[in-house]
């Protein structure tokens, strides 16, 4: 749920407890996708650094994460002792909501991760090329680290563009900077903008 785990690993986990073939599992996944139970989110592909290996794996989510929780037989009280699991559930829920807005706006929701450790839980890109880099966090105590990560991402793009312009005759590829740096937080007390320009939005305030 909301992870980049390879499907080969999912297949291996299923086959460890069930006598089933890869083809059968694949057919089940295809049906679940057609029924809008699960969906894969593509990777955002700009190669910001020429020697950076982009992790192009898809992020797997449930259209409704409560389906997964019901299948696992988990009650709300379970998450009092497993906040890491709740983090995946919350990320899944926010990605689902972002996808709904994207469908209305003709936009796309993707994710990004590379071998240098730069990542964004979501990249919300409009048709005209504008995009937002988004981090999704449960606790407000994680906002500072998420802000640092987003600023590092933006600064890497700026540095790349500066280096690309060093050859005035044949400049390298330029990348558009993010229009918005955004952190969706489950328990932030209010919406606000940090001194560095990163916007913090409580989950309950996310709207069109």
N, C-alpha and C. Protein backbone atom coordinates (compact mmCIF):
# COMPACT_ATOMS: atom_id res chain seq x y z
N UNK A 1 0.85 -1.19 0.00
CA UNK A 1 0.00 0.00 0.00
C UNK A 1 0.88 1.25 0.00
N UNK A 2 0.78 2.05 -1.09
CA UNK A 2 1.57 3.28 -1.23
C UNK A 2 3.06 3.00 -1.11
N UNK A 3 3.53 1.92 -1.72
CA UNK A 3 4.95 1.58 -1.71
C UNK A 3 5.41 1.29 -3.13
N UNK A 4 6.73 1.19 -3.30
CA UNK A 4 7.32 0.90 -4.60
C UNK A 4 7.75 -0.56 -4.71
N UNK A 5 7.19 -1.41 -3.87
CA UNK A 5 7.58 -2.82 -3.89
C UNK A 5 7.35 -3.41 -5.29
N UNK A 6 8.28 -4.23 -5.74
CA UNK A 6 8.16 -4.83 -7.06
C UNK A 6 7.06 -5.89 -7.06
N UNK A 7 6.39 -6.02 -8.20
CA UNK A 7 5.32 -7.02 -8.29
C UNK A 7 5.87 -8.44 -8.14
N UNK A 8 7.14 -8.63 -8.49
CA UNK A 8 7.73 -9.96 -8.29
C UNK A 8 7.76 -10.31 -6.80
N UNK A 9 7.97 -9.30 -5.96
CA UNK A 9 7.95 -9.54 -4.52
C UNK A 9 6.53 -9.84 -4.03
N UNK A 10 5.56 -9.12 -4.59
CA UNK A 10 4.16 -9.39 -4.24
C UNK A 10 3.79 -10.82 -4.63
N UNK A 11 4.20 -11.21 -5.83
CA UNK A 11 3.91 -12.58 -6.30
C UNK A 11 4.52 -13.60 -5.35
N UNK A 12 5.78 -13.36 -4.95
CA UNK A 12 6.47 -14.31 -4.06
C UNK A 12 5.75 -14.42 -2.73
N UNK A 13 5.29 -13.28 -2.19
CA UNK A 13 4.58 -13.30 -0.91
C UNK A 13 3.27 -14.09 -1.02
N UNK A 14 2.54 -13.89 -2.12
CA UNK A 14 1.28 -14.60 -2.30
C UNK A 14 1.53 -16.10 -2.43
N UNK A 15 2.53 -16.46 -3.22
CA UNK A 15 2.79 -17.88 -3.48
C UNK A 15 3.37 -18.59 -2.26
N UNK A 16 3.84 -17.84 -1.27
CA UNK A 16 4.37 -18.48 -0.07
C UNK A 16 3.27 -19.14 0.75
N UNK A 17 2.02 -18.70 0.55
CA UNK A 17 0.90 -19.26 1.33
C UNK A 17 -0.22 -19.81 0.44
N UNK A 18 -0.08 -19.68 -0.89
CA UNK A 18 -1.12 -20.15 -1.80
C UNK A 18 -0.49 -20.89 -2.97
N UNK A 19 -1.14 -21.94 -3.41
CA UNK A 19 -0.70 -22.68 -4.59
C UNK A 19 -1.29 -22.00 -5.81
N UNK A 20 -0.54 -21.08 -6.40
CA UNK A 20 -1.07 -20.24 -7.47
C UNK A 20 0.07 -19.85 -8.40
N UNK A 21 -0.23 -19.63 -9.67
CA UNK A 21 0.79 -19.29 -10.65
C UNK A 21 0.87 -17.77 -10.83
N UNK A 22 1.98 -17.33 -11.43
CA UNK A 22 2.14 -15.90 -11.71
C UNK A 22 1.04 -15.40 -12.65
N UNK A 23 0.69 -16.22 -13.63
CA UNK A 23 -0.34 -15.80 -14.59
C UNK A 23 -1.69 -15.59 -13.91
N UNK A 24 -2.00 -16.45 -12.95
CA UNK A 24 -3.27 -16.31 -12.24
C UNK A 24 -3.27 -15.05 -11.38
N UNK A 25 -2.16 -14.81 -10.69
CA UNK A 25 -2.07 -13.59 -9.87
C UNK A 25 -2.21 -12.36 -10.76
N UNK A 26 -1.52 -12.38 -11.91
CA UNK A 26 -1.59 -11.24 -12.83
C UNK A 26 -3.02 -11.01 -13.31
N UNK A 27 -3.75 -12.09 -13.56
CA UNK A 27 -5.13 -11.96 -14.01
C UNK A 27 -6.01 -11.36 -12.92
N UNK A 28 -5.75 -11.74 -11.66
CA UNK A 28 -6.50 -11.16 -10.54
C UNK A 28 -6.22 -9.66 -10.43
N UNK A 29 -4.94 -9.29 -10.54
CA UNK A 29 -4.57 -7.88 -10.46
C UNK A 29 -5.24 -7.09 -11.58
N UNK A 30 -5.27 -7.66 -12.77
CA UNK A 30 -5.91 -6.97 -13.91
C UNK A 30 -7.39 -6.72 -13.63
N UNK A 31 -8.07 -7.71 -13.06
CA UNK A 31 -9.50 -7.55 -12.74
C UNK A 31 -9.69 -6.49 -11.66
N UNK A 32 -8.84 -6.51 -10.62
CA UNK A 32 -8.95 -5.53 -9.54
C UNK A 32 -8.72 -4.11 -10.06
N UNK A 33 -7.83 -3.97 -11.05
CA UNK A 33 -7.61 -2.66 -11.65
C UNK A 33 -8.83 -2.21 -12.44
N UNK A 34 -9.45 -3.13 -13.17
CA UNK A 34 -10.64 -2.79 -13.95
C UNK A 34 -11.82 -2.44 -13.06
N UNK A 35 -11.86 -3.02 -11.86
CA UNK A 35 -12.93 -2.75 -10.91
C UNK A 35 -12.63 -1.52 -10.04
N UNK A 36 -11.50 -0.84 -10.33
CA UNK A 36 -11.10 0.34 -9.58
C UNK A 36 -10.91 0.05 -8.09
N UNK A 37 -10.32 -1.10 -7.81
CA UNK A 37 -9.95 -1.44 -6.44
C UNK A 37 -8.51 -1.03 -6.17
N UNK A 38 -7.62 -1.27 -7.13
CA UNK A 38 -6.22 -0.90 -7.01
C UNK A 38 -5.78 -0.12 -8.24
N UNK A 39 -4.68 0.61 -8.09
CA UNK A 39 -4.15 1.40 -9.20
C UNK A 39 -2.67 1.62 -8.99
N UNK A 40 -1.93 1.73 -10.09
CA UNK A 40 -0.51 2.05 -10.03
C UNK A 40 -0.29 3.50 -10.42
N UNK A 41 0.63 4.16 -9.72
CA UNK A 41 1.00 5.54 -10.02
C UNK A 41 2.38 5.52 -10.67
N UNK A 42 2.48 6.15 -11.84
CA UNK A 42 3.73 6.16 -12.58
C UNK A 42 4.78 7.06 -11.94
N UNK A 43 6.04 6.82 -12.31
CA UNK A 43 7.14 7.65 -11.85
C UNK A 43 7.27 8.88 -12.75
N UNK A 44 7.61 10.00 -12.15
CA UNK A 44 7.92 11.24 -12.88
C UNK A 44 9.34 11.10 -13.38
N UNK A 45 9.58 11.30 -14.68
CA UNK A 45 10.82 10.83 -15.28
C UNK A 45 11.93 11.85 -15.56
N UNK A 46 11.77 13.16 -15.38
CA UNK A 46 12.90 14.06 -15.68
C UNK A 46 14.18 13.63 -14.99
N UNK A 47 15.27 13.54 -15.75
CA UNK A 47 16.54 13.10 -15.19
C UNK A 47 17.33 14.35 -14.79
N UNK A 48 17.20 14.75 -13.55
CA UNK A 48 17.76 16.01 -13.10
C UNK A 48 19.28 15.98 -13.10
N UNK A 49 19.86 14.86 -12.81
CA UNK A 49 21.31 14.71 -12.84
C UNK A 49 21.65 13.62 -13.84
N UNK A 50 22.60 13.90 -14.72
CA UNK A 50 22.87 13.00 -15.83
C UNK A 50 23.28 11.61 -15.37
N UNK A 51 23.91 11.49 -14.21
CA UNK A 51 24.36 10.19 -13.72
C UNK A 51 23.43 9.60 -12.66
N UNK A 52 22.26 10.19 -12.54
CA UNK A 52 21.31 9.72 -11.53
C UNK A 52 20.44 8.61 -12.09
N UNK A 53 20.35 7.52 -11.36
CA UNK A 53 19.45 6.44 -11.74
C UNK A 53 18.08 6.70 -11.15
N UNK A 54 17.10 6.91 -12.01
CA UNK A 54 15.74 7.16 -11.55
C UNK A 54 15.05 5.83 -11.27
N UNK A 55 14.42 5.75 -10.13
CA UNK A 55 13.66 4.55 -9.79
C UNK A 55 12.29 4.65 -10.45
N UNK A 56 12.14 3.94 -11.54
CA UNK A 56 10.94 4.07 -12.36
C UNK A 56 9.82 3.13 -11.93
N UNK A 57 9.99 2.46 -10.79
CA UNK A 57 8.95 1.55 -10.33
C UNK A 57 7.65 2.30 -10.06
N UNK A 58 6.56 1.62 -10.26
CA UNK A 58 5.25 2.21 -10.00
C UNK A 58 4.92 2.12 -8.51
N UNK A 59 4.16 3.11 -8.04
CA UNK A 59 3.69 3.09 -6.66
C UNK A 59 2.29 2.49 -6.64
N UNK A 60 2.08 1.48 -5.79
CA UNK A 60 0.81 0.75 -5.78
C UNK A 60 -0.11 1.32 -4.70
N UNK A 61 -1.34 1.63 -5.07
CA UNK A 61 -2.30 2.13 -4.08
C UNK A 61 -3.65 1.45 -4.26
N UNK A 62 -4.47 1.55 -3.22
CA UNK A 62 -5.88 1.16 -3.30
C UNK A 62 -6.70 2.40 -3.58
N UNK A 63 -7.71 2.27 -4.43
CA UNK A 63 -8.62 3.39 -4.65
C UNK A 63 -9.30 3.75 -3.33
N UNK A 64 -9.65 2.74 -2.55
CA UNK A 64 -10.19 2.96 -1.21
C UNK A 64 -9.38 2.11 -0.24
N UNK A 65 -8.49 2.73 0.54
CA UNK A 65 -7.62 1.94 1.43
C UNK A 65 -8.37 1.14 2.48
N UNK A 66 -9.63 1.49 2.75
CA UNK A 66 -10.38 0.73 3.74
C UNK A 66 -10.60 -0.71 3.29
N UNK A 67 -10.56 -0.95 1.97
CA UNK A 67 -10.68 -2.32 1.45
C UNK A 67 -9.52 -3.17 1.96
N UNK A 68 -8.33 -2.61 1.91
CA UNK A 68 -7.15 -3.35 2.38
C UNK A 68 -7.23 -3.61 3.88
N UNK A 69 -7.69 -2.61 4.62
CA UNK A 69 -7.76 -2.76 6.08
C UNK A 69 -8.82 -3.78 6.47
N UNK A 70 -9.94 -3.79 5.73
CA UNK A 70 -10.97 -4.79 6.00
C UNK A 70 -10.46 -6.19 5.69
N UNK A 71 -9.69 -6.32 4.60
CA UNK A 71 -9.15 -7.62 4.23
C UNK A 71 -8.17 -8.14 5.29
N UNK A 72 -7.47 -7.21 5.95
CA UNK A 72 -6.52 -7.58 7.00
C UNK A 72 -7.20 -7.74 8.35
N UNK A 73 -8.48 -7.35 8.43
CA UNK A 73 -9.22 -7.47 9.68
C UNK A 73 -8.75 -6.50 10.75
N UNK A 74 -8.32 -5.30 10.33
CA UNK A 74 -7.78 -4.33 11.29
C UNK A 74 -8.85 -3.35 11.74
N UNK A 75 -8.85 -3.05 13.04
CA UNK A 75 -9.76 -2.05 13.60
C UNK A 75 -8.99 -0.74 13.75
N UNK A 76 -9.68 0.39 13.94
CA UNK A 76 -8.96 1.68 14.13
C UNK A 76 -7.97 1.63 15.29
N UNK A 77 -8.30 0.89 16.34
CA UNK A 77 -7.42 0.83 17.49
C UNK A 77 -6.07 0.20 17.18
N UNK A 78 -5.99 -0.61 16.13
CA UNK A 78 -4.74 -1.26 15.78
C UNK A 78 -3.62 -0.25 15.55
N UNK A 79 -3.99 0.91 14.99
CA UNK A 79 -2.96 1.87 14.58
C UNK A 79 -2.37 2.65 15.74
N UNK A 80 -2.93 2.49 16.93
CA UNK A 80 -2.32 3.11 18.09
C UNK A 80 -0.92 2.57 18.35
N UNK A 81 -0.67 1.35 17.89
CA UNK A 81 0.62 0.71 18.10
C UNK A 81 1.38 0.44 16.81
N UNK A 82 0.87 0.97 15.70
CA UNK A 82 1.55 0.77 14.42
C UNK A 82 1.38 2.02 13.55
N UNK A 83 2.07 3.08 13.96
CA UNK A 83 1.95 4.34 13.23
C UNK A 83 2.60 4.27 11.85
N UNK A 84 3.58 3.39 11.69
CA UNK A 84 4.21 3.24 10.38
C UNK A 84 3.18 2.74 9.36
N UNK A 85 2.40 1.75 9.75
CA UNK A 85 1.34 1.24 8.88
C UNK A 85 0.33 2.34 8.58
N UNK A 86 -0.03 3.12 9.62
CA UNK A 86 -0.99 4.19 9.41
C UNK A 86 -0.44 5.22 8.43
N UNK A 87 0.88 5.43 8.44
CA UNK A 87 1.49 6.36 7.50
C UNK A 87 1.25 5.95 6.07
N UNK A 88 1.36 4.64 5.79
CA UNK A 88 1.09 4.15 4.43
C UNK A 88 -0.39 4.31 4.08
N UNK A 89 -1.25 4.06 5.05
CA UNK A 89 -2.69 4.22 4.81
C UNK A 89 -3.02 5.67 4.49
N UNK A 90 -2.45 6.59 5.29
CA UNK A 90 -2.72 8.01 5.08
C UNK A 90 -2.17 8.48 3.74
N UNK A 91 -0.97 8.05 3.39
CA UNK A 91 -0.41 8.43 2.09
C UNK A 91 -1.30 7.92 0.97
N UNK A 92 -1.76 6.68 1.08
CA UNK A 92 -2.65 6.11 0.08
C UNK A 92 -3.91 6.97 -0.07
N UNK A 93 -4.48 7.36 1.07
CA UNK A 93 -5.71 8.16 1.05
C UNK A 93 -5.49 9.51 0.38
N UNK A 94 -4.38 10.18 0.68
CA UNK A 94 -4.09 11.48 0.09
C UNK A 94 -3.80 11.35 -1.41
N UNK A 95 -3.11 10.30 -1.82
CA UNK A 95 -2.86 10.08 -3.24
C UNK A 95 -4.16 9.87 -3.99
N UNK A 96 -5.07 9.12 -3.36
CA UNK A 96 -6.38 8.91 -3.98
C UNK A 96 -7.11 10.24 -4.18
N UNK A 97 -7.09 11.11 -3.15
CA UNK A 97 -7.76 12.40 -3.26
C UNK A 97 -7.11 13.27 -4.33
N UNK A 98 -5.78 13.27 -4.38
CA UNK A 98 -5.07 14.04 -5.40
C UNK A 98 -5.44 13.57 -6.80
N UNK A 99 -5.60 12.26 -6.96
CA UNK A 99 -5.98 11.72 -8.27
C UNK A 99 -7.38 12.17 -8.68
N UNK A 100 -8.27 12.33 -7.70
CA UNK A 100 -9.61 12.82 -8.01
C UNK A 100 -9.55 14.25 -8.52
N UNK A 101 -8.77 15.10 -7.83
CA UNK A 101 -8.60 16.49 -8.29
C UNK A 101 -7.93 16.52 -9.66
N UNK A 102 -6.93 15.65 -9.85
CA UNK A 102 -6.22 15.63 -11.13
C UNK A 102 -7.16 15.28 -12.27
N UNK A 103 -8.07 14.35 -12.04
CA UNK A 103 -9.02 13.96 -13.08
C UNK A 103 -9.90 15.15 -13.47
N UNK A 104 -10.28 15.97 -12.48
CA UNK A 104 -11.12 17.14 -12.76
C UNK A 104 -10.34 18.23 -13.47
N UNK A 105 -9.03 18.31 -13.22
CA UNK A 105 -8.21 19.39 -13.77
C UNK A 105 -7.45 18.99 -15.04
N UNK A 106 -7.61 17.77 -15.48
CA UNK A 106 -6.82 17.31 -16.62
C UNK A 106 -5.34 17.21 -16.27
N UNK A 107 -5.05 16.89 -15.02
CA UNK A 107 -3.66 16.82 -14.55
C UNK A 107 -3.25 15.36 -14.36
N UNK A 108 -2.01 15.16 -13.92
CA UNK A 108 -1.49 13.82 -13.62
C UNK A 108 -0.88 13.80 -12.23
N UNK A 109 -1.00 12.68 -11.56
CA UNK A 109 -0.33 12.46 -10.28
C UNK A 109 0.71 11.38 -10.47
N UNK A 110 1.97 11.71 -10.16
CA UNK A 110 3.07 10.77 -10.27
C UNK A 110 3.88 10.80 -8.98
N UNK A 111 4.99 10.10 -8.95
CA UNK A 111 5.89 10.15 -7.79
C UNK A 111 7.31 10.21 -8.31
N UNK A 112 8.27 10.49 -7.43
CA UNK A 112 9.66 10.57 -7.86
C UNK A 112 10.59 10.01 -6.79
N UNK A 113 11.59 9.26 -7.23
CA UNK A 113 12.66 8.79 -6.35
C UNK A 113 13.88 8.51 -7.20
N UNK A 114 15.07 8.87 -6.71
CA UNK A 114 16.28 8.59 -7.47
C UNK A 114 17.37 8.03 -6.56
N UNK A 115 18.50 7.70 -7.16
CA UNK A 115 19.58 7.04 -6.41
C UNK A 115 20.32 7.98 -5.49
N UNK A 116 20.08 9.29 -5.58
CA UNK A 116 20.70 10.26 -4.69
C UNK A 116 19.86 10.50 -3.44
N UNK A 117 18.73 9.82 -3.34
CA UNK A 117 17.89 9.97 -2.16
C UNK A 117 16.85 11.06 -2.27
N UNK A 118 16.80 11.75 -3.41
CA UNK A 118 15.75 12.75 -3.59
C UNK A 118 14.45 12.05 -3.94
N UNK A 119 13.36 12.51 -3.32
CA UNK A 119 12.08 11.88 -3.61
C UNK A 119 10.95 12.85 -3.32
N UNK A 120 9.82 12.55 -3.90
CA UNK A 120 8.58 13.28 -3.62
C UNK A 120 7.47 12.24 -3.60
N UNK A 121 6.66 12.28 -2.55
CA UNK A 121 5.57 11.31 -2.46
C UNK A 121 4.62 11.45 -3.64
N UNK A 122 4.46 12.68 -4.11
CA UNK A 122 3.58 12.91 -5.27
C UNK A 122 4.11 14.10 -6.07
N UNK A 123 3.93 14.01 -7.38
CA UNK A 123 4.18 15.13 -8.29
C UNK A 123 2.87 15.39 -9.01
N UNK A 124 2.30 16.57 -8.78
CA UNK A 124 1.00 16.93 -9.37
C UNK A 124 1.28 17.86 -10.53
N UNK A 125 1.10 17.35 -11.77
CA UNK A 125 1.51 18.10 -12.96
C UNK A 125 0.31 18.44 -13.84
N UNK A 126 0.19 19.74 -14.17
CA UNK A 126 -0.86 20.22 -15.05
C UNK A 126 -0.43 20.08 -16.51
N UNK A 127 -1.40 20.24 -17.42
CA UNK A 127 -1.11 20.07 -18.84
C UNK A 127 -0.12 21.10 -19.37
N UNK A 128 -0.13 22.31 -18.77
CA UNK A 128 0.77 23.36 -19.25
C UNK A 128 2.18 23.23 -18.71
N UNK A 129 2.47 22.16 -17.97
CA UNK A 129 3.81 21.91 -17.48
C UNK A 129 4.06 22.32 -16.05
N UNK A 130 3.19 23.17 -15.49
CA UNK A 130 3.35 23.53 -14.09
C UNK A 130 3.16 22.29 -13.21
N UNK A 131 3.91 22.25 -12.12
CA UNK A 131 3.77 21.09 -11.25
C UNK A 131 4.09 21.46 -9.80
N UNK A 132 3.57 20.64 -8.91
CA UNK A 132 3.84 20.77 -7.48
C UNK A 132 4.55 19.53 -6.99
N UNK A 133 5.56 19.72 -6.15
CA UNK A 133 6.19 18.61 -5.46
C UNK A 133 5.53 18.49 -4.10
N UNK A 134 5.08 17.29 -3.76
CA UNK A 134 4.26 17.10 -2.57
C UNK A 134 4.84 16.01 -1.68
N UNK A 135 4.93 16.32 -0.39
CA UNK A 135 5.26 15.33 0.62
C UNK A 135 4.00 15.08 1.47
N UNK A 136 3.80 13.85 1.90
CA UNK A 136 2.62 13.47 2.68
C UNK A 136 3.09 12.93 4.02
N UNK A 137 2.69 13.58 5.11
CA UNK A 137 3.15 13.21 6.44
C UNK A 137 1.97 13.13 7.41
N UNK A 138 2.06 12.21 8.35
CA UNK A 138 1.01 12.08 9.36
C UNK A 138 1.17 13.13 10.44
N UNK A 139 2.35 13.20 11.05
CA UNK A 139 2.56 14.08 12.19
C UNK A 139 3.21 15.39 11.84
N UNK A 140 2.85 16.45 12.55
CA UNK A 140 3.46 17.76 12.32
C UNK A 140 4.94 17.74 12.66
N UNK A 141 5.36 16.80 13.50
CA UNK A 141 6.78 16.69 13.86
C UNK A 141 7.64 16.27 12.67
N UNK A 142 7.02 15.79 11.60
CA UNK A 142 7.76 15.37 10.41
C UNK A 142 7.82 16.47 9.36
N UNK A 143 7.17 17.61 9.62
CA UNK A 143 7.08 18.69 8.63
C UNK A 143 8.46 19.28 8.32
N UNK A 144 9.28 19.51 9.34
CA UNK A 144 10.58 20.14 9.12
C UNK A 144 11.46 19.32 8.19
N UNK A 145 11.50 17.99 8.40
CA UNK A 145 12.31 17.12 7.54
C UNK A 145 11.74 17.09 6.13
N UNK A 146 10.41 17.08 6.01
CA UNK A 146 9.78 17.08 4.69
C UNK A 146 10.07 18.38 3.96
N UNK A 147 10.04 19.51 4.68
CA UNK A 147 10.35 20.81 4.08
C UNK A 147 11.79 20.80 3.56
N UNK A 148 12.71 20.29 4.35
CA UNK A 148 14.11 20.23 3.94
C UNK A 148 14.27 19.40 2.68
N UNK A 149 13.54 18.30 2.59
CA UNK A 149 13.64 17.42 1.43
C UNK A 149 13.13 18.13 0.18
N UNK A 150 12.00 18.85 0.29
CA UNK A 150 11.45 19.55 -0.87
C UNK A 150 12.38 20.67 -1.34
N UNK A 151 12.97 21.40 -0.41
CA UNK A 151 13.89 22.49 -0.77
C UNK A 151 15.15 21.92 -1.43
N UNK A 152 15.60 20.79 -0.92
CA UNK A 152 16.77 20.13 -1.53
C UNK A 152 16.45 19.73 -2.97
N UNK A 153 15.26 19.25 -3.20
CA UNK A 153 14.82 18.84 -4.53
C UNK A 153 14.81 20.06 -5.45
N UNK A 154 14.19 21.16 -5.01
CA UNK A 154 14.13 22.38 -5.82
C UNK A 154 15.53 22.92 -6.11
N UNK A 155 16.39 22.91 -5.10
CA UNK A 155 17.74 23.43 -5.28
C UNK A 155 18.54 22.58 -6.26
N UNK A 156 18.29 21.27 -6.28
CA UNK A 156 18.98 20.40 -7.23
C UNK A 156 18.59 20.76 -8.66
N UNK A 157 17.33 21.11 -8.87
CA UNK A 157 16.87 21.53 -10.20
C UNK A 157 17.55 22.84 -10.59
N UNK A 158 17.61 23.78 -9.64
CA UNK A 158 18.26 25.06 -9.92
C UNK A 158 19.73 24.87 -10.26
N UNK A 159 20.42 24.01 -9.51
CA UNK A 159 21.84 23.77 -9.77
C UNK A 159 22.03 23.12 -11.15
N UNK A 160 21.16 22.18 -11.47
CA UNK A 160 21.25 21.55 -12.79
C UNK A 160 21.10 22.58 -13.89
N UNK A 161 20.12 23.48 -13.76
CA UNK A 161 19.88 24.49 -14.79
C UNK A 161 21.05 25.45 -14.93
N UNK A 162 21.66 25.81 -13.80
CA UNK A 162 22.83 26.68 -13.84
C UNK A 162 23.98 26.02 -14.58
N UNK A 163 24.21 24.74 -14.30
CA UNK A 163 25.28 24.01 -14.98
C UNK A 163 24.97 23.82 -16.45
N UNK A 164 23.68 23.63 -16.78
CA UNK A 164 23.29 23.44 -18.18
C UNK A 164 23.55 24.68 -19.01
N UNK A 165 23.53 25.86 -18.39
CA UNK A 165 23.71 27.11 -19.10
C UNK A 165 25.17 27.52 -19.25
N UNK A 166 26.07 26.73 -18.68
CA UNK A 166 27.48 27.10 -18.74
C UNK A 166 28.02 27.09 -20.17
N UNK A 167 27.50 26.20 -21.00
CA UNK A 167 27.87 26.19 -22.41
C UNK A 167 26.86 27.05 -23.16
N UNK A 168 27.22 28.29 -23.45
CA UNK A 168 26.28 29.23 -24.08
C UNK A 168 25.92 28.83 -25.51
N UNK A 169 26.83 28.13 -26.17
CA UNK A 169 26.57 27.74 -27.57
C UNK A 169 25.62 26.56 -27.65
N UNK A 170 25.88 25.57 -26.81
CA UNK A 170 25.03 24.37 -26.79
C UNK A 170 24.63 24.07 -25.35
N UNK A 171 23.70 24.85 -24.81
CA UNK A 171 23.30 24.62 -23.41
C UNK A 171 22.63 23.27 -23.24
N UNK A 172 22.73 22.75 -22.04
CA UNK A 172 22.11 21.46 -21.76
C UNK A 172 20.61 21.58 -21.57
N UNK A 173 20.00 20.48 -21.24
CA UNK A 173 18.55 20.45 -21.04
C UNK A 173 18.20 21.23 -19.77
N UNK A 174 17.19 22.10 -19.88
CA UNK A 174 16.72 22.87 -18.74
C UNK A 174 15.44 22.25 -18.20
N UNK A 175 15.28 22.29 -16.88
CA UNK A 175 14.08 21.74 -16.26
C UNK A 175 13.30 22.84 -15.55
N UNK A 176 12.01 22.79 -15.71
CA UNK A 176 11.15 23.77 -15.08
C UNK A 176 11.17 23.57 -13.56
N UNK A 177 11.27 24.68 -12.83
CA UNK A 177 11.21 24.58 -11.37
C UNK A 177 9.77 24.34 -10.92
N UNK A 178 9.60 23.70 -9.77
CA UNK A 178 8.24 23.47 -9.28
C UNK A 178 7.52 24.78 -8.99
N UNK A 179 6.25 24.84 -9.37
CA UNK A 179 5.43 26.01 -9.08
C UNK A 179 5.08 26.08 -7.60
N UNK A 180 4.98 24.92 -6.97
CA UNK A 180 4.53 24.85 -5.59
C UNK A 180 5.23 23.71 -4.87
N UNK A 181 5.65 23.99 -3.63
CA UNK A 181 6.16 22.96 -2.73
C UNK A 181 5.12 22.81 -1.63
N UNK A 182 4.63 21.59 -1.45
CA UNK A 182 3.46 21.39 -0.60
C UNK A 182 3.66 20.18 0.31
N UNK A 183 3.25 20.33 1.57
CA UNK A 183 3.25 19.22 2.51
C UNK A 183 1.82 19.02 2.99
N UNK A 184 1.27 17.83 2.74
CA UNK A 184 -0.03 17.47 3.26
C UNK A 184 0.18 16.76 4.59
N UNK A 185 -0.39 17.30 5.64
CA UNK A 185 -0.13 16.80 7.00
C UNK A 185 -1.45 16.43 7.67
N UNK A 186 -1.47 15.27 8.30
CA UNK A 186 -2.72 14.79 8.91
C UNK A 186 -3.16 15.67 10.06
N UNK A 187 -2.22 16.10 10.91
CA UNK A 187 -2.63 16.80 12.13
C UNK A 187 -2.05 18.20 12.27
N UNK A 188 -1.68 18.84 11.16
CA UNK A 188 -1.26 20.25 11.25
C UNK A 188 -2.43 21.07 11.77
N UNK A 189 -2.20 22.02 12.68
CA UNK A 189 -3.31 22.76 13.28
C UNK A 189 -3.99 23.73 12.34
N UNK A 190 -3.28 24.15 11.29
CA UNK A 190 -3.86 25.10 10.33
C UNK A 190 -3.01 25.11 9.06
N UNK A 191 -3.55 25.74 8.02
CA UNK A 191 -2.77 25.93 6.80
C UNK A 191 -1.85 27.13 6.99
N UNK A 192 -0.61 26.99 6.56
CA UNK A 192 0.32 28.12 6.66
C UNK A 192 1.46 27.92 5.66
N UNK A 193 2.21 28.98 5.45
CA UNK A 193 3.36 28.96 4.56
C UNK A 193 4.61 29.23 5.37
N UNK A 194 5.62 28.39 5.23
CA UNK A 194 6.86 28.57 5.99
C UNK A 194 7.66 29.72 5.40
N UNK A 195 8.69 30.15 6.12
CA UNK A 195 9.54 31.25 5.66
C UNK A 195 10.22 30.93 4.34
N UNK A 196 10.42 29.66 4.06
CA UNK A 196 11.07 29.25 2.81
C UNK A 196 10.08 29.10 1.66
N UNK A 197 8.78 29.31 1.93
CA UNK A 197 7.79 29.27 0.87
C UNK A 197 7.08 27.94 0.71
N UNK A 198 7.35 26.98 1.57
CA UNK A 198 6.67 25.68 1.51
C UNK A 198 5.30 25.81 2.19
N UNK A 199 4.28 25.31 1.55
CA UNK A 199 2.93 25.42 2.10
C UNK A 199 2.54 24.14 2.84
N UNK A 200 2.00 24.31 4.03
CA UNK A 200 1.55 23.18 4.85
C UNK A 200 0.03 23.18 4.83
N UNK A 201 -0.54 22.05 4.44
CA UNK A 201 -2.00 21.94 4.34
C UNK A 201 -2.48 20.76 5.17
N UNK A 202 -3.34 21.01 6.19
CA UNK A 202 -3.93 19.87 6.91
C UNK A 202 -4.80 19.05 5.96
N UNK A 203 -4.86 17.76 6.22
CA UNK A 203 -5.63 16.88 5.34
C UNK A 203 -7.07 17.34 5.19
N UNK A 204 -7.66 17.82 6.30
CA UNK A 204 -9.06 18.24 6.26
C UNK A 204 -9.30 19.51 5.48
N UNK A 205 -8.24 20.23 5.12
CA UNK A 205 -8.37 21.49 4.37
C UNK A 205 -8.08 21.31 2.89
N UNK A 206 -7.75 20.10 2.47
CA UNK A 206 -7.46 19.86 1.06
C UNK A 206 -8.74 19.98 0.27
N UNK A 207 -8.77 20.90 -0.69
CA UNK A 207 -9.98 21.11 -1.47
C UNK A 207 -9.60 21.66 -2.83
N UNK A 208 -10.55 21.67 -3.73
CA UNK A 208 -10.32 22.17 -5.08
C UNK A 208 -10.10 23.68 -5.05
